[in-house]
Amino acid sequence: MRIVMVGSGYVGLVSGTCFADFGHEVVCLDKDPAKIEALRAGRMPIYEPGLEALVAENVRRGRLGFGIDLAAAVAGADAVFIAVGTPSRRGDGFADLSYVYAAAREIAAALTGYTVIVTKSTVPVGTGDEVERIIREARPEADFAVVSNPEFLREGAAIDDFKRPDRIVIGAEDARAEGVIREVYRPLYLNAAPILVTGRRTAELTKYAANAFLATKITFINEIADLCEQVGADVQEVARGIGLDNRIGAKFLHAGPGYGGSCFPKDTLALVKTAQDAGTPMRIVETVVAVNESRKRAMARKVIQACGGSVRGKTIGLLGLTFKPNTDDMRDAPSLAIVAGLQDAGATVRAYDPEGMGQARALLPDIDYADDPYSCAEGADALVLVTEWNAFRALDLERLRTTMAEPVLVDLRNVYRVQDVERLGFRYAGVGRASGGGRSEDRDGG
């Protein structure tokens, strides 16, 4: 099938490349000519494991192309996916849909023959209705349908998520459009990926509901971690104890510095605003948003406490800046609030991240950047593990201790065993774990 992806950001590029790998003919579009030229030259605008090689393979086979001419690409396409950004709108936090609606207007002018327009972007309930209205008003005679097909991709594992999905949600209002999208995803039938076909508005809300629920799990275990620290319990064992209940599940029960990234922060805000506008406020999600924001700043206070109550004049090394490993995404990363809190308290901050320093420099221009974990730790009064990259899981702790000014390790991801670290002379602070050892540290330690 001929597929057009309007938008070559994270979702558009990964989705378009995977569709091409299925054997479809795909064109990924973008307004930025420099981005398109870079993609044609094989340079990726994002870091995602395996993406560069997959793009190169499908370009070589003639199944994947890049362009800026929407009219030429849309003419004769079977399906046109809208995968543009929907950032939080300033002022009220609602999703900014201006890019979605602009894409709809351009698509309307280029339609030829029956075409299914698919909203792949995360959009509030009713967006598909408005997209349909925009196109129908511009082209009353056009033969088209609008479908919602939300994405459920995790940064750092997006290709596998796309090819082996937990589910495919199709929000369609007519059987003809449903048939087209089923054909688009037909290569996944061998994987027996569950397909949920529902109404368009239901599909739109499903995406927000899923992200809000996962954000709630993260925030819940983070608050349990705070309680564990006060009463002498171990959050990792608590998480294991409740996660073994298959009604709850173990995923997203890892205590840390709070959630960030391109999805959870903006999607929870948009859901809160949608619910308020509908007259049905979502108090749980509102609380999740507030607790998560305050937690990020609280992590800076945790570091300050570990340093004896003051970091003025001290150097603090941060290992990891991105909101999670295996991505270069800095959007709403906890590190941003942590750096701000430490600098406000008078500290000098030095950081190292395997992939995120390019993006970080634009957001954090006034910190020092190191070449590796050990140069980050050199002369530091504390080392803070912020992002659990694999490269940080087996550091030479003795080497770190000898190069640091003060042997303080603040492990915001509970990667290391408390006893192992303290045995080497470090002062250790984790999340939801008391120092001095315990059964969980002896067994698994994260």
Protein backbone atom coordinates (compact mmCIF):
# COMPACT_ATOMS: atom_id res chain seq x y z
CA MET A 1 0.00 0.00 0.00
CA ARG A 2 1.03 3.62 -0.48
CA ILE A 3 1.41 5.35 2.88
CA VAL A 4 2.26 8.95 3.67
CA MET A 5 3.52 10.00 7.09
CA VAL A 6 3.00 13.72 7.72
CA GLY A 7 5.66 14.53 10.27
CA SER A 8 9.11 12.95 10.58
CA GLY A 9 9.60 13.33 14.30
CA TYR A 10 9.86 10.45 16.71
CA VAL A 11 6.49 8.82 16.04
CA GLY A 12 6.37 9.58 12.33
CA LEU A 13 9.89 8.40 11.55
CA VAL A 14 9.69 5.19 13.57
CA SER A 15 6.19 4.33 12.32
CA GLY A 16 6.96 5.16 8.70
CA THR A 17 10.17 3.15 8.74
CA CYS A 18 8.47 0.12 10.27
CA PHE A 19 5.61 0.30 7.75
CA ALA A 20 8.22 0.34 4.98
CA ASP A 21 9.91 -2.66 6.56
CA PHE A 22 6.56 -4.47 6.30
CA GLY A 23 6.75 -3.96 2.54
CA HIS A 24 4.58 -0.85 2.12
CA GLU A 25 5.65 2.11 -0.01
CA VAL A 26 6.16 4.97 2.45
CA VAL A 27 7.01 8.66 2.18
CA CYS A 28 7.82 10.58 5.38
CA LEU A 29 7.23 14.31 5.10
CA ASP A 30 8.46 17.25 7.13
CA LYS A 31 8.34 21.04 6.92
CA ASP A 32 12.05 21.30 7.75
CA PRO A 33 14.14 20.93 4.56
CA ALA A 34 17.31 20.49 6.62
CA LYS A 35 15.81 17.52 8.45
CA ILE A 36 14.74 15.92 5.17
CA GLU A 37 18.19 16.41 3.65
CA ALA A 38 19.76 14.86 6.73
CA LEU A 39 17.41 11.87 6.54
CA ARG A 40 18.18 11.40 2.86
CA ALA A 41 21.87 11.39 3.80
CA GLY A 42 21.23 8.78 6.50
CA ARG A 43 21.57 11.11 9.50
CA MET A 44 18.90 10.56 12.14
CA PRO A 45 17.32 13.51 13.98
CA ILE A 46 16.77 11.31 17.06
CA TYR A 47 18.58 8.49 18.79
CA GLU A 48 16.64 5.24 18.81
CA PRO A 49 18.41 1.86 18.90
CA GLY A 50 18.28 0.13 15.50
CA LEU A 51 16.55 2.98 13.67
CA GLU A 52 19.46 4.19 11.57
CA ALA A 53 20.12 0.72 10.15
CA LEU A 54 16.42 0.09 9.48
CA VAL A 55 16.04 3.41 7.66
CA ALA A 56 19.11 2.71 5.53
CA GLU A 57 17.87 -0.77 4.59
CA ASN A 58 14.43 0.39 3.50
CA VAL A 59 15.77 3.39 1.59
CA ARG A 60 18.13 1.02 -0.22
CA ARG A 61 15.23 -1.24 -1.14
CA GLY A 62 13.22 1.69 -2.46
CA ARG A 63 10.38 1.35 0.01
CA LEU A 64 11.10 4.46 2.11
CA GLY A 65 11.55 8.04 0.96
CA PHE A 66 11.58 11.53 2.45
CA GLY A 67 10.21 14.80 1.15
CA ILE A 68 8.64 18.20 1.77
CA ASP A 69 6.07 18.18 -1.06
CA LEU A 70 2.85 17.10 0.64
CA ALA A 71 0.65 17.52 -2.42
CA ALA A 72 2.75 15.19 -4.55
CA ALA A 73 3.00 12.57 -1.81
CA VAL A 74 -0.69 12.57 -0.82
CA ALA A 75 -2.04 12.30 -4.37
CA GLY A 76 -2.92 8.64 -4.86
CA ALA A 77 -2.03 7.55 -1.32
CA ASP A 78 -4.09 4.83 0.35
CA ALA A 79 -3.52 6.13 3.89
CA VAL A 80 -2.16 9.43 5.18
CA PHE A 81 -0.99 9.41 8.79
CA ILE A 82 -0.83 12.66 10.75
CA ALA A 83 2.13 12.34 13.13
CA VAL A 84 2.91 15.94 14.04
CA GLY A 85 3.60 17.36 17.48
CA THR A 86 0.87 18.11 20.00
CA PRO A 87 2.82 19.94 22.74
CA SER A 88 1.23 21.37 25.83
CA ARG A 89 -0.32 24.73 25.16
CA ARG A 90 1.00 27.62 27.21
CA GLY A 91 -1.33 28.81 29.89
CA ASP A 92 -3.70 25.89 30.36
CA GLY A 93 -1.74 22.75 29.49
CA PHE A 94 -4.20 21.62 26.83
CA ALA A 95 -2.77 19.95 23.73
CA ASP A 96 -1.78 22.43 21.02
CA LEU A 97 -3.55 21.06 17.95
CA SER A 98 -2.48 23.77 15.51
CA TYR A 99 -0.05 21.45 13.70
CA VAL A 100 -2.71 18.73 13.39
CA TYR A 101 -5.28 21.11 11.92
CA ALA A 102 -2.74 22.70 9.58
CA ALA A 103 -1.85 19.25 8.29
CA ALA A 104 -5.54 18.48 7.75
CA ARG A 105 -5.97 21.61 5.62
CA GLU A 106 -2.97 20.73 3.46
CA ILE A 107 -4.11 17.14 3.08
CA ALA A 108 -7.56 18.28 2.03
CA ALA A 109 -6.15 20.26 -0.89
CA ALA A 110 -4.15 17.27 -2.15
CA LEU A 111 -6.67 14.40 -1.93
CA THR A 112 -7.30 12.32 -5.06
CA GLY A 113 -9.50 9.25 -4.84
CA TYR A 114 -10.54 7.44 -1.67
CA THR A 115 -8.06 8.13 1.13
CA VAL A 116 -8.01 7.25 4.82
CA ILE A 117 -6.59 10.02 7.00
CA VAL A 118 -5.24 8.62 10.24
CA THR A 119 -4.44 10.59 13.39
CA LYS A 120 -1.31 8.95 14.80
CA SER A 121 -0.50 11.95 16.99
CA THR A 122 -1.79 11.83 20.55
CA VAL A 123 -4.89 14.03 20.41
CA PRO A 124 -7.76 14.85 22.77
CA VAL A 125 -11.24 13.43 22.35
CA GLY A 126 -13.03 15.01 19.41
CA THR A 127 -9.95 15.90 17.37
CA GLY A 128 -10.86 13.41 14.66
CA ASP A 129 -14.27 15.04 14.37
CA GLU A 130 -12.63 18.42 13.82
CA VAL A 131 -10.15 17.00 11.29
CA GLU A 132 -13.08 15.53 9.36
CA ARG A 133 -14.95 18.85 9.51
CA ILE A 134 -11.91 20.78 8.23
CA ILE A 135 -11.41 18.45 5.27
CA ARG A 136 -15.13 18.20 4.46
CA GLU A 137 -15.49 21.98 4.52
CA ALA A 138 -12.50 22.45 2.23
CA ARG A 139 -13.37 19.58 -0.14
CA PRO A 140 -17.08 18.67 0.04
CA GLU A 141 -16.69 16.29 -2.90
CA ALA A 142 -13.67 14.40 -1.52
CA ASP A 143 -13.90 10.67 -0.86
CA PHE A 144 -12.17 10.08 2.48
CA ALA A 145 -12.50 8.84 6.05
CA VAL A 146 -10.81 9.87 9.28
CA VAL A 147 -9.53 7.19 11.64
CA SER A 148 -7.81 7.32 15.02
CA ASN A 149 -4.84 4.97 15.43
CA PRO A 150 -2.92 5.97 18.58
CA GLU A 151 0.67 4.91 19.04
CA PHE A 152 1.99 3.03 22.07
CA LEU A 153 5.75 3.27 21.52
CA ARG A 154 8.32 3.39 24.29
CA GLU A 155 11.37 5.46 23.53
CA GLY A 156 14.39 3.18 23.48
CA ALA A 157 12.29 0.17 22.46
CA ALA A 158 10.08 1.69 19.77
CA ILE A 159 10.91 -0.60 16.86
CA ASP A 160 10.19 -3.74 18.84
CA ASP A 161 7.03 -2.14 20.24
CA PHE A 162 5.82 -1.35 16.74
CA LYS A 163 6.55 -4.79 15.33
CA ARG A 164 5.38 -6.74 18.39
CA PRO A 165 2.63 -4.59 19.85
CA ASP A 166 0.53 -5.41 22.88
CA ARG A 167 -2.47 -4.20 20.87
CA ILE A 168 -3.47 -2.13 17.86
CA VAL A 169 -6.31 0.31 18.46
CA ILE A 170 -8.34 1.39 15.44
CA GLY A 171 -10.99 4.06 15.94
CA ALA A 172 -13.10 3.95 12.78
CA GLU A 173 -16.64 5.03 11.97
CA ASP A 174 -17.13 2.90 8.84
CA ALA A 175 -16.17 -0.58 7.64
CA ARG A 176 -14.38 0.61 4.51
CA ALA A 177 -11.88 2.68 6.48
CA GLU A 178 -11.43 -0.13 9.00
CA GLY A 179 -10.58 -2.47 6.14
CA VAL A 180 -7.84 -0.17 4.86
CA ILE A 181 -6.17 0.08 8.27
CA ARG A 182 -6.45 -3.65 8.82
CA GLU A 183 -4.61 -4.11 5.51
CA VAL A 184 -1.93 -1.65 6.61
CA TYR A 185 -1.32 -3.79 9.70
CA ARG A 186 -1.85 -7.16 7.98
CA PRO A 187 1.88 -8.11 8.28
CA LEU A 188 1.39 -8.22 12.06
CA TYR A 189 -1.31 -10.90 11.87
CA LEU A 190 1.37 -13.59 12.11
CA ASN A 191 2.33 -12.13 15.51
CA ALA A 192 -1.32 -12.43 16.56
CA ALA A 193 -1.32 -8.81 17.71
CA PRO A 194 -4.74 -8.08 19.24
CA ILE A 195 -6.72 -5.51 17.26
CA LEU A 196 -9.31 -3.42 19.06
CA VAL A 197 -11.75 -1.72 16.71
CA THR A 198 -13.82 0.94 18.37
CA GLY A 199 -15.29 4.37 17.84
CA ARG A 200 -12.98 7.24 17.00
CA ARG A 201 -13.55 9.15 20.23
CA THR A 202 -13.02 6.00 22.29
CA ALA A 203 -9.70 5.36 20.57
CA GLU A 204 -8.56 8.91 21.24
CA LEU A 205 -9.38 8.63 24.93
CA THR A 206 -7.79 5.17 25.21
CA LYS A 207 -4.34 6.62 24.55
CA TYR A 208 -4.68 9.28 27.25
CA ALA A 209 -6.18 6.84 29.73
CA ALA A 210 -3.29 4.40 29.23
CA ASN A 211 -0.61 7.03 29.77
CA ALA A 212 -2.38 8.52 32.78
CA PHE A 213 -2.67 5.09 34.40
CA LEU A 214 1.04 4.33 33.88
CA ALA A 215 1.98 7.77 35.22
CA THR A 216 -0.16 7.01 38.25
CA LYS A 217 1.68 3.73 38.89
CA ILE A 218 5.02 5.55 38.78
CA THR A 219 3.83 8.29 41.10
CA PHE A 220 2.26 5.78 43.49
CA ILE A 221 5.46 3.78 43.94
CA ASN A 222 7.45 6.99 44.36
CA GLU A 223 5.22 8.03 47.24
CA ILE A 224 5.54 4.53 48.71
CA ALA A 225 9.33 5.00 48.45
CA ASP A 226 9.10 8.17 50.54
CA LEU A 227 7.15 6.27 53.17
CA CYS A 228 9.67 3.43 53.11
CA GLU A 229 12.46 5.85 53.92
CA GLN A 230 10.57 7.10 56.96
CA VAL A 231 9.56 3.73 58.40
CA GLY A 232 12.61 1.61 57.51
CA ALA A 233 11.03 -0.50 54.76
CA ASP A 234 12.48 -1.31 51.33
CA VAL A 235 10.59 -0.04 48.30
CA GLN A 236 12.08 -2.65 45.98
CA GLU A 237 10.70 -5.47 48.07
CA VAL A 238 7.37 -3.68 48.40
CA ALA A 239 7.23 -3.26 44.63
CA ARG A 240 8.09 -6.91 44.13
CA GLY A 241 5.51 -7.96 46.66
CA ILE A 242 2.67 -6.08 44.99
CA GLY A 243 3.93 -6.60 41.44
CA LEU A 244 3.68 -10.37 41.76
CA ASP A 245 -0.06 -9.89 41.99
CA ASN A 246 -1.09 -10.29 38.36
CA ARG A 247 -3.89 -7.81 38.88
CA ILE A 248 -1.20 -5.16 39.44
CA GLY A 249 1.87 -6.32 37.50
CA ALA A 250 5.52 -5.43 38.02
CA LYS A 251 5.99 -2.88 35.24
CA PHE A 252 6.18 0.82 36.09
CA LEU A 253 6.78 0.07 39.76
CA HIS A 254 10.38 1.26 39.86
CA ALA A 255 10.90 4.11 42.28
CA GLY A 256 12.95 7.02 41.00
CA PRO A 257 13.11 10.78 40.46
CA GLY A 258 9.76 11.07 38.68
CA TYR A 259 8.53 10.60 35.13
CA GLY A 260 9.44 12.81 32.19
CA GLY A 261 9.70 12.55 28.42
CA SER A 262 7.51 13.48 25.51
CA CYS A 263 4.33 11.68 26.57
CA PHE A 264 3.41 11.38 30.24
CA PRO A 265 3.85 15.04 31.26
CA LYS A 266 1.91 16.57 28.37
CA ASP A 267 -0.68 13.80 28.10
CA THR A 268 -1.63 13.90 31.77
CA LEU A 269 -1.99 17.68 31.56
CA ALA A 270 -4.13 17.41 28.42
CA LEU A 271 -6.36 14.77 30.02
CA VAL A 272 -6.84 16.97 33.09
CA LYS A 273 -7.86 19.89 30.89
CA THR A 274 -10.21 17.75 28.78
CA ALA A 275 -11.91 16.43 31.91
CA GLN A 276 -12.26 19.90 33.40
CA ASP A 277 -13.81 21.22 30.18
CA ALA A 278 -16.22 18.28 30.20
CA GLY A 279 -17.26 19.03 33.76
CA THR A 280 -15.81 15.78 35.14
CA PRO A 281 -12.53 16.69 36.88
CA MET A 282 -10.03 13.85 37.31
CA ARG A 283 -8.75 14.41 40.83
CA ILE A 284 -6.41 11.42 40.79
CA VAL A 285 -4.64 12.55 37.62
CA GLU A 286 -4.49 16.14 38.84
CA THR A 287 -2.71 14.89 41.97
CA VAL A 288 -0.35 12.72 39.94
CA VAL A 289 0.71 15.75 37.91
CA ALA A 290 1.30 17.87 41.01
CA VAL A 291 3.16 15.16 42.95
CA ASN A 292 5.43 14.33 40.01
CA GLU A 293 6.43 17.95 39.48
CA SER A 294 7.29 18.46 43.14
CA ARG A 295 9.22 15.18 43.25
CA LYS A 296 11.75 16.27 40.62
CA ARG A 297 12.74 19.28 42.68
CA ALA A 298 12.77 17.15 45.82
CA MET A 299 15.55 15.04 44.31
CA ALA A 300 17.85 18.06 44.43
CA ARG A 301 17.08 18.35 48.15
CA LYS A 302 17.92 14.66 48.55
CA VAL A 303 21.35 15.31 47.05
CA ILE A 304 21.87 18.34 49.29
CA GLN A 305 20.95 16.29 52.37
CA ALA A 306 23.38 13.54 51.34
CA CYS A 307 26.10 16.19 51.16
CA GLY A 308 25.54 17.20 54.77
CA GLY A 309 22.91 19.84 54.22
CA SER A 310 24.78 22.20 51.91
CA VAL A 311 26.27 22.06 48.41
CA ARG A 312 27.39 25.69 48.22
CA GLY A 313 30.78 25.79 46.56
CA LYS A 314 30.72 22.05 45.90
CA THR A 315 30.90 20.16 42.61
CA ILE A 316 28.16 17.63 41.93
CA GLY A 317 28.52 15.08 39.14
CA LEU A 318 25.39 13.79 37.36
CA LEU A 319 25.40 10.48 35.54
CA GLY A 320 22.59 10.60 32.98
CA LEU A 321 20.52 13.54 31.77
CA THR A 322 17.86 12.05 29.50
CA PHE A 323 14.50 11.13 31.02
CA LYS A 324 15.24 7.43 30.43
CA PRO A 325 18.03 5.33 28.90
CA ASN A 326 18.37 4.47 25.20
CA THR A 327 17.12 7.85 24.02
CA ASP A 328 18.52 11.35 23.61
CA ASP A 329 15.20 12.91 24.66
CA MET A 330 15.51 15.66 27.26
CA ARG A 331 11.87 16.74 27.31
CA ASP A 332 10.69 17.20 30.90
CA ALA A 333 13.63 15.12 32.12
CA PRO A 334 14.00 15.04 35.93
CA SER A 335 17.61 16.16 35.46
CA LEU A 336 16.42 19.63 34.44
CA ALA A 337 14.80 20.28 37.82
CA ILE A 338 17.64 18.58 39.69
CA VAL A 339 20.26 20.78 38.03
CA ALA A 340 18.21 23.91 38.70
CA GLY A 341 17.78 22.98 42.36
CA LEU A 342 21.49 22.27 42.84
CA GLN A 343 22.54 25.47 41.11
CA ASP A 344 20.08 27.49 43.16
CA ALA A 345 21.77 26.02 46.24
CA GLY A 346 25.20 27.19 45.05
CA ALA A 347 26.61 24.01 43.50
CA THR A 348 28.67 23.63 40.35
CA VAL A 349 27.20 20.84 38.22
CA ARG A 350 29.09 18.54 35.89
CA ALA A 351 27.32 15.85 33.84
CA TYR A 352 27.79 12.97 31.46
CA ASP A 353 25.19 11.19 29.32
CA PRO A 354 25.97 8.62 26.59
CA GLU A 355 23.54 10.13 24.04
CA GLY A 356 21.77 13.15 25.52
CA MET A 357 24.44 15.83 25.82
CA GLY A 358 23.74 17.28 22.38
CA GLN A 359 20.17 18.13 23.32
CA ALA A 360 21.12 18.93 26.91
CA ARG A 361 23.53 21.70 25.94
CA ALA A 362 20.66 23.78 24.56
CA LEU A 363 18.66 23.38 27.79
CA LEU A 364 21.52 23.37 30.30
CA PRO A 365 24.19 25.67 28.83
CA ASP A 366 25.73 26.61 32.16
CA ILE A 367 26.92 23.22 33.40
CA ASP A 368 30.12 21.38 32.60
CA TYR A 369 30.04 18.30 30.36
CA ALA A 370 32.35 15.34 30.85
CA ASP A 371 33.68 12.77 28.39
CA ASP A 372 32.88 9.70 30.48
CA PRO A 373 31.62 8.70 33.94
CA TYR A 374 35.07 8.85 35.52
CA SER A 375 35.94 12.33 34.33
CA CYS A 376 32.48 13.37 35.54
CA ALA A 377 33.35 12.08 39.02
CA GLU A 378 36.84 13.57 39.18
CA GLY A 379 37.05 16.01 42.07
CA ALA A 380 33.29 15.82 42.69
CA ASP A 381 31.84 16.13 46.17
CA ALA A 382 28.98 13.80 45.21
CA LEU A 383 28.01 11.63 42.24
CA VAL A 384 24.32 11.34 41.37
CA LEU A 385 23.01 8.50 39.21
CA VAL A 386 20.01 10.07 37.46
CA THR A 387 19.40 7.86 34.40
CA GLU A 388 19.93 4.09 34.50
CA TRP A 389 21.96 3.66 31.32
CA ASN A 390 23.59 0.22 31.08
CA ALA A 391 26.97 1.96 30.98
CA PHE A 392 26.41 3.05 34.59
CA ARG A 393 25.40 -0.34 36.01
CA ALA A 394 28.88 -1.77 36.58
CA LEU A 395 31.12 1.19 37.29
CA ASP A 396 34.48 0.67 39.00
CA LEU A 397 33.46 2.01 42.39
CA GLU A 398 36.97 1.86 43.84
CA ARG A 399 38.23 3.99 40.96
CA LEU A 400 35.42 6.45 41.52
CA ARG A 401 36.15 6.72 45.23
CA THR A 402 39.83 7.48 44.66
CA THR A 403 39.10 10.23 42.13
CA MET A 404 36.26 11.97 43.99
CA ALA A 405 36.78 14.76 46.52
CA GLU A 406 34.13 13.21 48.77
CA PRO A 407 32.82 9.61 48.44
CA VAL A 408 29.10 10.34 48.22
CA LEU A 409 26.87 8.34 45.84
CA VAL A 410 23.23 9.32 45.40
CA ASP A 411 21.57 6.51 43.46
CA LEU A 412 18.19 7.80 42.23
CA ARG A 413 17.55 4.55 40.32
CA ASN A 414 18.57 2.02 43.00
CA VAL A 415 21.06 0.40 40.65
CA TYR A 416 23.67 -0.51 43.28
CA ARG A 417 23.56 -2.69 46.38
CA VAL A 418 23.74 -0.58 49.50
CA GLN A 419 26.19 -2.88 51.30
CA ASP A 420 28.54 -3.11 48.30
CA VAL A 421 28.79 0.66 48.04
CA GLU A 422 29.14 1.34 51.76
CA ARG A 423 31.74 -1.42 52.13
CA LEU A 424 33.98 0.60 49.81
CA GLY A 425 33.70 3.68 52.01
CA PHE A 426 30.94 5.58 50.21
CA ARG A 427 28.10 7.42 51.87
CA TYR A 428 25.11 6.09 49.95
CA ALA A 429 21.62 7.44 49.42
CA GLY A 430 19.05 5.55 47.38
CA VAL A 431 15.32 5.93 46.83
CA GLY A 432 13.05 4.18 49.33
CA ARG A 433 15.92 2.23 50.85
CA ALA A 434 17.64 2.74 54.17
CA SER A 435 21.44 2.75 54.27
CA GLY A 436 23.27 0.05 56.15
CA GLY A 437 22.09 -2.97 54.23
CA GLY A 438 19.10 -5.26 54.32
CA ARG A 439 17.80 -8.44 52.83
CA SER A 440 16.95 -7.03 49.39
CA GLU A 441 20.40 -5.50 48.95
CA ASP A 442 21.99 -8.87 49.77
CA ARG A 443 19.89 -10.63 47.15
CA ASP A 444 19.42 -8.41 44.18
CA GLY A 445 20.00 -4.71 44.82
CA GLY A 446 18.11 -3.52 41.74
